[in-house]
């Protein structure tokens, strides 16, 4: 208990009285890796439960980055790719890339799109959309 009295006399950034549950963190996972709609429902519930921490931007309309990360719906994507006339031998070969383009400058957005498409072609990656 001697150490406790020494700590109380010091000015610290940490003090046990500030301990409380992690507010603002939600994690839901299916460790088996099996796809299941139930896990998505629980993830949505977790995000909804985080709104009390202000999980919206200053405009009160858009999110602050809180969201849900899911597996790529390979069967759905395979069907769509085949509708475009391509054959996918193994749906695990499908990947998703997201590129955030400048929204306030159409010319710059077009340049970024062209650069991304050129790299995709350079590395001979089939591009579907």
C-alpha atoms as a PDB file:
ATOM      1  CA  UNK A   1       0.000   0.000   0.000  1.00  0.00           C
ATOM      2  CA  UNK A   2       3.004   2.262   0.295  1.00  0.00           C
ATOM      3  CA  UNK A   3       3.120   2.560  -3.516  1.00  0.00           C
ATOM      4  CA  UNK A   4      -0.521   3.708  -3.595  1.00  0.00           C
ATOM      5  CA  UNK A   5       0.200   6.700  -1.393  1.00  0.00           C
ATOM      6  CA  UNK A   6       3.163   7.680  -3.572  1.00  0.00           C
ATOM      7  CA  UNK A   7       0.964   7.536  -6.679  1.00  0.00           C
ATOM      8  CA  UNK A   8      -1.783   9.634  -5.095  1.00  0.00           C
ATOM      9  CA  UNK A   9       0.707  12.431  -4.386  1.00  0.00           C
ATOM     10  CA  UNK A  10       1.850  12.567  -8.015  1.00  0.00           C
ATOM     11  CA  UNK A  11       0.106  14.207 -10.952  1.00  0.00           C
ATOM     12  CA  UNK A  12      -0.413  11.417 -13.475  1.00  0.00           C
ATOM     13  CA  UNK A  13      -2.205  11.087 -16.792  1.00  0.00           C
ATOM     14  CA  UNK A  14      -3.535   7.713 -15.668  1.00  0.00           C
ATOM     15  CA  UNK A  15      -5.642   7.030 -12.616  1.00  0.00           C
ATOM     16  CA  UNK A  16      -7.696   3.876 -11.931  1.00  0.00           C
ATOM     17  CA  UNK A  17     -10.806   5.990 -11.289  1.00  0.00           C
ATOM     18  CA  UNK A  18     -10.896   6.707 -15.042  1.00  0.00           C
ATOM     19  CA  UNK A  19     -11.219   2.996 -15.892  1.00  0.00           C
ATOM     20  CA  UNK A  20     -14.453   2.008 -17.614  1.00  0.00           C
ATOM     21  CA  UNK A  21     -15.599  -0.221 -20.435  1.00  0.00           C
ATOM     22  CA  UNK A  22     -14.432   0.422 -23.981  1.00  0.00           C
ATOM     23  CA  UNK A  23     -17.097   2.698 -25.369  1.00  0.00           C
ATOM     24  CA  UNK A  24     -17.002   2.961 -29.133  1.00  0.00           C
ATOM     25  CA  UNK A  25     -15.599  -0.415 -30.056  1.00  0.00           C
ATOM     26  CA  UNK A  26     -17.650  -3.275 -31.385  1.00  0.00           C
ATOM     27  CA  UNK A  27     -16.332  -6.512 -32.770  1.00  0.00           C
ATOM     28  CA  UNK A  28     -18.466  -9.401 -33.984  1.00  0.00           C
ATOM     29  CA  UNK A  29     -16.881 -12.354 -35.733  1.00  0.00           C
ATOM     30  CA  UNK A  30     -17.602 -15.903 -36.751  1.00  0.00           C
ATOM     31  CA  UNK A  31     -14.301 -17.666 -36.095  1.00  0.00           C
ATOM     32  CA  UNK A  32     -15.353 -20.617 -38.243  1.00  0.00           C
ATOM     33  CA  UNK A  33     -15.217 -18.356 -41.300  1.00  0.00           C
ATOM     34  CA  UNK A  34     -18.622 -19.592 -42.479  1.00  0.00           C
ATOM     35  CA  UNK A  35     -20.868 -17.023 -44.093  1.00  0.00           C
ATOM     36  CA  UNK A  36     -24.042 -16.408 -42.155  1.00  0.00           C
ATOM     37  CA  UNK A  37     -26.609 -13.625 -42.284  1.00  0.00           C
ATOM     38  CA  UNK A  38     -26.934 -13.740 -38.485  1.00  0.00           C
ATOM     39  CA  UNK A  39     -23.408 -12.361 -38.095  1.00  0.00           C
ATOM     40  CA  UNK A  40     -24.283  -9.423 -40.353  1.00  0.00           C
ATOM     41  CA  UNK A  41     -27.393  -8.695 -38.275  1.00  0.00           C
ATOM     42  CA  UNK A  42     -25.259  -8.676 -35.106  1.00  0.00           C
ATOM     43  CA  UNK A  43     -22.698  -6.377 -36.745  1.00  0.00           C
ATOM     44  CA  UNK A  44     -25.442  -3.924 -37.747  1.00  0.00           C
ATOM     45  CA  UNK A  45     -26.749  -4.037 -34.181  1.00  0.00           C
ATOM     46  CA  UNK A  46     -23.246  -3.259 -32.882  1.00  0.00           C
ATOM     47  CA  UNK A  47     -22.919  -0.213 -35.165  1.00  0.00           C
ATOM     48  CA  UNK A  48     -26.372   1.021 -34.103  1.00  0.00           C
ATOM     49  CA  UNK A  49     -25.352   0.610 -30.472  1.00  0.00           C
ATOM     50  CA  UNK A  50     -22.367   2.884 -31.091  1.00  0.00           C
ATOM     51  CA  UNK A  51     -24.450   5.870 -32.172  1.00  0.00           C
ATOM     52  CA  UNK A  52     -24.569   7.112 -28.573  1.00  0.00           C
ATOM     53  CA  UNK A  53     -20.856   7.912 -28.851  1.00  0.00           C
ATOM     54  CA  UNK A  54     -21.519  10.257 -31.729  1.00  0.00           C
ATOM     55  CA  UNK A  55     -20.773   7.849 -34.560  1.00  0.00           C
ATOM     56  CA  UNK A  56     -21.826  10.496 -37.046  1.00  0.00           C
ATOM     57  CA  UNK A  57     -20.001  13.376 -38.630  1.00  0.00           C
ATOM     58  CA  UNK A  58     -20.669  16.993 -37.705  1.00  0.00           C
ATOM     59  CA  UNK A  59     -23.456  17.144 -40.301  1.00  0.00           C
ATOM     60  CA  UNK A  60     -25.342  14.451 -38.288  1.00  0.00           C
ATOM     61  CA  UNK A  61     -25.983  12.612 -41.563  1.00  0.00           C
ATOM     62  CA  UNK A  62     -22.797  10.819 -42.517  1.00  0.00           C
ATOM     63  CA  UNK A  63     -20.739   8.298 -40.594  1.00  0.00           C
ATOM     64  CA  UNK A  64     -17.441   8.922 -38.897  1.00  0.00           C
ATOM     65  CA  UNK A  65     -15.813   5.849 -40.384  1.00  0.00           C
ATOM     66  CA  UNK A  66     -17.717   3.347 -38.288  1.00  0.00           C
ATOM     67  CA  UNK A  67     -18.874   0.518 -40.472  1.00  0.00           C
ATOM     68  CA  UNK A  68     -18.962  -3.164 -41.169  1.00  0.00           C
ATOM     69  CA  UNK A  69     -16.325  -5.239 -42.887  1.00  0.00           C
ATOM     70  CA  UNK A  70     -17.667  -8.379 -44.523  1.00  0.00           C
ATOM     71  CA  UNK A  71     -16.318 -11.129 -46.702  1.00  0.00           C
ATOM     72  CA  UNK A  72     -16.486 -10.559 -50.446  1.00  0.00           C
ATOM     73  CA  UNK A  73     -19.721 -12.163 -51.704  1.00  0.00           C
ATOM     74  CA  UNK A  74     -17.877 -14.388 -54.168  1.00  0.00           C
ATOM     75  CA  UNK A  75     -20.906 -16.305 -55.474  1.00  0.00           C
ATOM     76  CA  UNK A  76     -22.753 -13.073 -56.226  1.00  0.00           C
ATOM     77  CA  UNK A  77     -19.716 -11.533 -57.915  1.00  0.00           C
ATOM     78  CA  UNK A  78     -19.085 -14.691 -59.936  1.00  0.00           C
ATOM     79  CA  UNK A  79     -22.639 -14.580 -61.302  1.00  0.00           C
ATOM     80  CA  UNK A  80     -22.260 -10.906 -62.248  1.00  0.00           C
ATOM     81  CA  UNK A  81     -18.878 -11.465 -63.923  1.00  0.00           C
ATOM     82  CA  UNK A  82     -20.340 -14.359 -65.921  1.00  0.00           C
ATOM     83  CA  UNK A  83     -23.217 -12.090 -67.018  1.00  0.00           C
ATOM     84  CA  UNK A  84     -20.502  -9.881 -68.550  1.00  0.00           C
ATOM     85  CA  UNK A  85     -19.341 -12.855 -70.610  1.00  0.00           C
ATOM     86  CA  UNK A  86     -16.329 -13.951 -68.577  1.00  0.00           C
ATOM     87  CA  UNK A  87     -15.714 -17.339 -67.006  1.00  0.00           C
ATOM     88  CA  UNK A  88     -14.375 -17.590 -63.474  1.00  0.00           C
ATOM     89  CA  UNK A  89     -12.834 -20.970 -62.717  1.00  0.00           C
ATOM     90  CA  UNK A  90     -12.322 -20.270 -59.030  1.00  0.00           C
ATOM     91  CA  UNK A  91     -14.433 -17.574 -57.344  1.00  0.00           C
ATOM     92  CA  UNK A  92     -11.585 -17.015 -54.862  1.00  0.00           C
ATOM     93  CA  UNK A  93      -9.760 -15.337 -57.759  1.00  0.00           C
ATOM     94  CA  UNK A  94     -12.203 -12.416 -57.552  1.00  0.00           C
ATOM     95  CA  UNK A  95     -11.063  -9.366 -55.623  1.00  0.00           C
ATOM     96  CA  UNK A  96     -12.507  -5.954 -54.915  1.00  0.00           C
ATOM     97  CA  UNK A  97     -10.533  -2.748 -55.062  1.00  0.00           C
ATOM     98  CA  UNK A  98     -11.885   0.563 -53.833  1.00  0.00           C
ATOM     99  CA  UNK A  99     -10.381   3.839 -54.934  1.00  0.00           C
ATOM    100  CA  UNK A 100     -11.548   7.119 -53.481  1.00  0.00           C
ATOM    101  CA  UNK A 101     -11.473   9.743 -56.198  1.00  0.00           C
ATOM    102  CA  UNK A 102     -11.405  13.503 -55.764  1.00  0.00           C
ATOM    103  CA  UNK A 103     -15.044  14.549 -55.881  1.00  0.00           C
ATOM    104  CA  UNK A 104     -14.445  18.237 -56.403  1.00  0.00           C
ATOM    105  CA  UNK A 105     -12.277  17.950 -59.510  1.00  0.00           C
ATOM    106  CA  UNK A 106     -13.676  15.857 -62.407  1.00  0.00           C
ATOM    107  CA  UNK A 107     -10.478  16.205 -64.461  1.00  0.00           C
ATOM    108  CA  UNK A 108      -8.323  14.929 -61.616  1.00  0.00           C
ATOM    109  CA  UNK A 109     -10.795  12.096 -60.944  1.00  0.00           C
ATOM    110  CA  UNK A 110     -10.541  11.064 -64.612  1.00  0.00           C
ATOM    111  CA  UNK A 111      -6.745  11.155 -64.428  1.00  0.00           C
ATOM    112  CA  UNK A 112      -6.780   8.942 -61.327  1.00  0.00           C
ATOM    113  CA  UNK A 113      -9.198   6.519 -62.997  1.00  0.00           C
ATOM    114  CA  UNK A 114      -7.003   6.350 -66.115  1.00  0.00           C
ATOM    115  CA  UNK A 115      -3.911   5.676 -64.009  1.00  0.00           C
ATOM    116  CA  UNK A 116      -5.645   2.876 -62.097  1.00  0.00           C
ATOM    117  CA  UNK A 117      -6.903   1.287 -65.322  1.00  0.00           C
ATOM    118  CA  UNK A 118      -3.417   1.513 -66.869  1.00  0.00           C
ATOM    119  CA  UNK A 119      -1.887  -0.318 -63.908  1.00  0.00           C
ATOM    120  CA  UNK A 120      -4.580  -2.982 -64.026  1.00  0.00           C
ATOM    121  CA  UNK A 121      -3.818  -3.540 -67.722  1.00  0.00           C
ATOM    122  CA  UNK A 122      -0.050  -3.450 -67.138  1.00  0.00           C
ATOM    123  CA  UNK A 123      -0.294  -6.318 -64.674  1.00  0.00           C
ATOM    124  CA  UNK A 124      -2.803  -8.176 -66.885  1.00  0.00           C
ATOM    125  CA  UNK A 125      -5.515  -8.254 -64.268  1.00  0.00           C
ATOM    126  CA  UNK A 126      -8.977  -8.802 -65.741  1.00  0.00           C
ATOM    127  CA  UNK A 127     -11.073  -5.723 -65.019  1.00  0.00           C
ATOM    128  CA  UNK A 128     -14.845  -6.057 -64.786  1.00  0.00           C
ATOM    129  CA  UNK A 129     -16.095  -2.646 -63.814  1.00  0.00           C
END
